[in-house]
Amino acid sequence: GMEKEDLQMMIDGNVLYLSGEKHFERESRNSNYHIMERAYGVFKRAIPLPHNVSTDDAEANYKNGVLKIHLPKTSREKVKNIPLT
C-alpha cells in the first residue's frame, strides 16, 4: 500500500533504518450509500545488522509493493576477530 517515493532507507554503521508514510484513500458510491476510507500512517524501524555484512555492497529493489534488500556477507578474509580481554 505504499509508493516507492514514500519510503526511505539508510545504513548508518551496522544499523539499517527504514521509514515511510502510507497514504491510502478509497471512495465508493452507490444509490443507497457513500463510503470513503482513508488510512495514513508513519513508521520507523531500526534493524541491527550482523558485523559480517558488507554495507558498501547493499542493494535494494522495490516492485509491486514489495521491498527486497540484499546485504551480502563479507568474505572471511575481511572479517576481523577481536580478542576478548
N, C-alpha and C. Protein backbone atom coordinates (compact mmCIF):
# COMPACT_ATOMS: atom_id res chain seq x y z
N GLY A 1 0.79 -1.20 0.00
CA GLY A 1 0.00 0.00 0.00
C GLY A 1 0.83 1.26 0.00
N MET A 2 2.10 1.16 -0.38
CA MET A 2 2.96 2.35 -0.38
C MET A 2 3.58 2.54 -1.76
N GLU A 3 3.91 3.76 -2.03
CA GLU A 3 4.65 4.09 -3.25
C GLU A 3 6.14 4.14 -2.91
N LYS A 4 6.95 3.91 -3.91
CA LYS A 4 8.40 3.92 -3.73
C LYS A 4 8.89 5.26 -3.17
N GLU A 5 8.27 6.35 -3.58
CA GLU A 5 8.68 7.68 -3.16
C GLU A 5 8.38 7.95 -1.67
N ASP A 6 7.51 7.13 -1.07
CA ASP A 6 7.13 7.33 0.33
C ASP A 6 8.00 6.52 1.29
N LEU A 7 9.05 5.88 0.78
CA LEU A 7 9.89 5.02 1.59
C LEU A 7 11.33 5.53 1.57
N GLN A 8 11.96 5.57 2.76
CA GLN A 8 13.36 6.00 2.87
C GLN A 8 14.15 4.90 3.58
N MET A 9 15.39 4.70 3.11
CA MET A 9 16.29 3.72 3.72
C MET A 9 17.65 4.36 3.90
N MET A 10 18.32 3.95 5.00
CA MET A 10 19.65 4.47 5.26
C MET A 10 20.39 3.43 6.11
N ILE A 11 21.67 3.24 5.83
CA ILE A 11 22.51 2.40 6.67
C ILE A 11 23.52 3.31 7.35
N ASP A 12 23.55 3.24 8.67
CA ASP A 12 24.50 4.03 9.46
C ASP A 12 25.21 3.05 10.39
N GLY A 13 26.49 2.85 10.16
CA GLY A 13 27.22 1.85 10.92
C GLY A 13 26.69 0.47 10.56
N ASN A 14 26.25 -0.26 11.55
CA ASN A 14 25.66 -1.58 11.31
C ASN A 14 24.17 -1.59 11.64
N VAL A 15 23.49 -0.49 11.33
CA VAL A 15 22.05 -0.41 11.55
C VAL A 15 21.38 0.05 10.26
N LEU A 16 20.34 -0.69 9.86
CA LEU A 16 19.52 -0.34 8.70
C LEU A 16 18.30 0.40 9.21
N TYR A 17 18.10 1.63 8.75
CA TYR A 17 16.95 2.44 9.15
C TYR A 17 15.96 2.49 8.00
N LEU A 18 14.72 2.12 8.28
CA LEU A 18 13.62 2.20 7.31
C LEU A 18 12.57 3.13 7.87
N SER A 19 12.06 4.01 7.02
CA SER A 19 10.97 4.88 7.44
C SER A 19 10.10 5.18 6.23
N GLY A 20 8.87 5.54 6.51
CA GLY A 20 7.98 5.85 5.41
C GLY A 20 6.64 6.33 5.92
N GLU A 21 5.80 6.67 4.94
CA GLU A 21 4.47 7.15 5.25
C GLU A 21 3.49 6.54 4.27
N LYS A 22 2.44 5.96 4.80
CA LYS A 22 1.42 5.30 3.99
C LYS A 22 0.26 6.26 3.76
N HIS A 23 -0.16 6.36 2.50
CA HIS A 23 -1.32 7.18 2.12
C HIS A 23 -2.28 6.28 1.35
N PHE A 24 -3.46 6.10 1.86
CA PHE A 24 -4.44 5.26 1.19
C PHE A 24 -5.79 5.96 1.22
N GLU A 25 -6.46 6.01 0.09
CA GLU A 25 -7.77 6.63 0.03
C GLU A 25 -8.62 5.87 -0.96
N ARG A 26 -9.86 5.57 -0.56
CA ARG A 26 -10.79 4.86 -1.45
C ARG A 26 -12.18 5.42 -1.24
N GLU A 27 -12.89 5.58 -2.34
CA GLU A 27 -14.25 6.11 -2.27
C GLU A 27 -15.15 5.22 -3.10
N SER A 28 -16.33 4.91 -2.57
CA SER A 28 -17.30 4.07 -3.25
C SER A 28 -18.68 4.70 -3.11
N ARG A 29 -19.38 4.81 -4.23
CA ARG A 29 -20.72 5.42 -4.20
C ARG A 29 -21.73 4.42 -4.75
N ASN A 30 -22.86 4.38 -4.10
CA ASN A 30 -23.98 3.57 -4.53
C ASN A 30 -25.22 4.43 -4.36
N SER A 31 -26.31 4.04 -4.93
CA SER A 31 -27.52 4.86 -4.80
C SER A 31 -28.01 4.91 -3.35
N ASN A 32 -27.64 3.92 -2.53
CA ASN A 32 -28.11 3.88 -1.14
C ASN A 32 -27.07 4.34 -0.12
N TYR A 33 -25.81 4.35 -0.50
CA TYR A 33 -24.77 4.70 0.48
C TYR A 33 -23.54 5.28 -0.20
N HIS A 34 -22.71 5.91 0.60
CA HIS A 34 -21.46 6.52 0.15
C HIS A 34 -20.40 6.14 1.17
N ILE A 35 -19.32 5.50 0.71
CA ILE A 35 -18.24 5.09 1.60
C ILE A 35 -16.96 5.80 1.19
N MET A 36 -16.28 6.37 2.18
CA MET A 36 -14.97 6.98 1.94
C MET A 36 -14.02 6.48 3.02
N GLU A 37 -12.93 5.84 2.61
CA GLU A 37 -11.94 5.32 3.55
C GLU A 37 -10.62 6.03 3.32
N ARG A 38 -9.96 6.35 4.42
CA ARG A 38 -8.63 6.95 4.36
C ARG A 38 -7.77 6.30 5.43
N ALA A 39 -6.55 6.00 5.04
CA ALA A 39 -5.60 5.43 6.00
C ALA A 39 -4.26 6.12 5.81
N TYR A 40 -3.74 6.64 6.89
CA TYR A 40 -2.45 7.30 6.87
C TYR A 40 -1.64 6.76 8.04
N GLY A 41 -0.37 6.63 7.82
CA GLY A 41 0.46 6.16 8.92
C GLY A 41 1.93 6.35 8.64
N VAL A 42 2.66 6.69 9.68
CA VAL A 42 4.10 6.86 9.59
C VAL A 42 4.74 5.72 10.36
N PHE A 43 5.81 5.17 9.82
CA PHE A 43 6.53 4.13 10.55
C PHE A 43 8.02 4.37 10.47
N LYS A 44 8.73 3.88 11.47
CA LYS A 44 10.19 3.95 11.53
C LYS A 44 10.68 2.66 12.15
N ARG A 45 11.70 2.08 11.56
CA ARG A 45 12.30 0.85 12.08
C ARG A 45 13.81 0.98 12.05
N ALA A 46 14.47 0.48 13.09
CA ALA A 46 15.93 0.39 13.14
C ALA A 46 16.26 -1.08 13.28
N ILE A 47 16.94 -1.63 12.29
CA ILE A 47 17.25 -3.06 12.25
C ILE A 47 18.75 -3.24 12.39
N PRO A 48 19.20 -3.82 13.52
CA PRO A 48 20.64 -4.06 13.68
C PRO A 48 21.10 -5.12 12.69
N LEU A 49 22.26 -4.89 12.09
CA LEU A 49 22.83 -5.82 11.12
C LEU A 49 24.00 -6.57 11.74
N PRO A 50 24.23 -7.80 11.30
CA PRO A 50 25.40 -8.54 11.78
C PRO A 50 26.68 -7.82 11.35
N HIS A 51 27.76 -8.08 12.06
CA HIS A 51 29.02 -7.40 11.74
C HIS A 51 29.66 -7.91 10.46
N ASN A 52 29.23 -9.07 9.97
CA ASN A 52 29.84 -9.61 8.75
C ASN A 52 29.04 -9.24 7.50
N VAL A 53 28.34 -8.12 7.52
CA VAL A 53 27.59 -7.63 6.36
C VAL A 53 28.38 -6.53 5.68
N SER A 54 28.47 -6.63 4.35
CA SER A 54 29.15 -5.61 3.56
C SER A 54 28.15 -4.52 3.21
N THR A 55 28.08 -3.46 4.03
CA THR A 55 27.10 -2.40 3.80
C THR A 55 27.42 -1.60 2.54
N ASP A 56 28.67 -1.60 2.10
CA ASP A 56 29.04 -0.89 0.87
C ASP A 56 28.43 -1.54 -0.36
N ASP A 57 28.13 -2.84 -0.29
CA ASP A 57 27.58 -3.57 -1.43
C ASP A 57 26.09 -3.82 -1.30
N ALA A 58 25.41 -3.12 -0.40
CA ALA A 58 23.98 -3.31 -0.19
C ALA A 58 23.20 -2.85 -1.42
N GLU A 59 22.12 -3.57 -1.72
CA GLU A 59 21.24 -3.23 -2.85
C GLU A 59 19.80 -3.35 -2.38
N ALA A 60 18.93 -2.50 -2.94
CA ALA A 60 17.51 -2.55 -2.61
C ALA A 60 16.70 -2.45 -3.89
N ASN A 61 15.55 -3.14 -3.90
CA ASN A 61 14.66 -3.14 -5.04
C ASN A 61 13.22 -3.06 -4.51
N TYR A 62 12.42 -2.19 -5.11
CA TYR A 62 11.02 -2.04 -4.71
C TYR A 62 10.17 -2.23 -5.95
N LYS A 63 9.33 -3.27 -5.94
CA LYS A 63 8.49 -3.56 -7.11
C LYS A 63 7.17 -4.15 -6.65
N ASN A 64 6.09 -3.61 -7.16
CA ASN A 64 4.74 -4.09 -6.84
C ASN A 64 4.47 -4.15 -5.34
N GLY A 65 4.95 -3.15 -4.60
CA GLY A 65 4.69 -3.08 -3.18
C GLY A 65 5.57 -3.96 -2.30
N VAL A 66 6.58 -4.59 -2.91
CA VAL A 66 7.48 -5.48 -2.15
C VAL A 66 8.88 -4.89 -2.15
N LEU A 67 9.45 -4.73 -0.96
CA LEU A 67 10.80 -4.22 -0.81
C LEU A 67 11.74 -5.40 -0.58
N LYS A 68 12.76 -5.51 -1.42
CA LYS A 68 13.78 -6.55 -1.25
C LYS A 68 15.11 -5.85 -1.01
N ILE A 69 15.80 -6.26 0.06
CA ILE A 69 17.10 -5.69 0.40
C ILE A 69 18.11 -6.82 0.39
N HIS A 70 19.18 -6.64 -0.36
CA HIS A 70 20.25 -7.63 -0.45
C HIS A 70 21.47 -7.08 0.28
N LEU A 71 21.88 -7.78 1.34
CA LEU A 71 23.03 -7.39 2.15
C LEU A 71 24.02 -8.54 2.15
N PRO A 72 24.99 -8.52 1.24
CA PRO A 72 25.93 -9.65 1.16
C PRO A 72 26.87 -9.70 2.37
N LYS A 73 27.28 -10.91 2.69
CA LYS A 73 28.26 -11.09 3.76
C LYS A 73 29.64 -10.72 3.24
N THR A 74 30.50 -10.29 4.15
CA THR A 74 31.88 -10.03 3.78
C THR A 74 32.60 -11.37 3.64
N SER A 75 33.66 -11.36 2.89
CA SER A 75 34.44 -12.59 2.76
C SER A 75 35.16 -12.86 4.08
N ARG A 76 35.59 -14.08 4.26
CA ARG A 76 36.25 -14.45 5.52
C ARG A 76 37.52 -13.64 5.74
N GLU A 77 38.18 -13.26 4.67
CA GLU A 77 39.43 -12.50 4.81
C GLU A 77 39.18 -11.12 5.41
N LYS A 78 37.98 -10.56 5.19
CA LYS A 78 37.70 -9.21 5.66
C LYS A 78 37.19 -9.19 7.10
N VAL A 79 36.77 -10.35 7.60
CA VAL A 79 36.26 -10.40 8.96
C VAL A 79 37.43 -10.36 9.94
N LYS A 80 37.36 -9.48 10.90
CA LYS A 80 38.45 -9.30 11.86
C LYS A 80 38.01 -9.85 13.20
N ASN A 81 38.76 -10.79 13.72
CA ASN A 81 38.49 -11.33 15.05
C ASN A 81 39.05 -10.38 16.09
N ILE A 82 38.25 -10.12 17.09
CA ILE A 82 38.67 -9.23 18.17
C ILE A 82 38.90 -10.10 19.40
N PRO A 83 40.10 -10.09 19.93
CA PRO A 83 40.36 -10.93 21.12
C PRO A 83 39.62 -10.41 22.34
N LEU A 84 39.15 -11.34 23.16
CA LEU A 84 38.49 -10.96 24.41
C LEU A 84 39.55 -10.69 25.46
N THR A 85 39.35 -9.67 26.25
CA THR A 85 40.31 -9.34 27.32
C THR A 85 39.69 -9.49 28.68
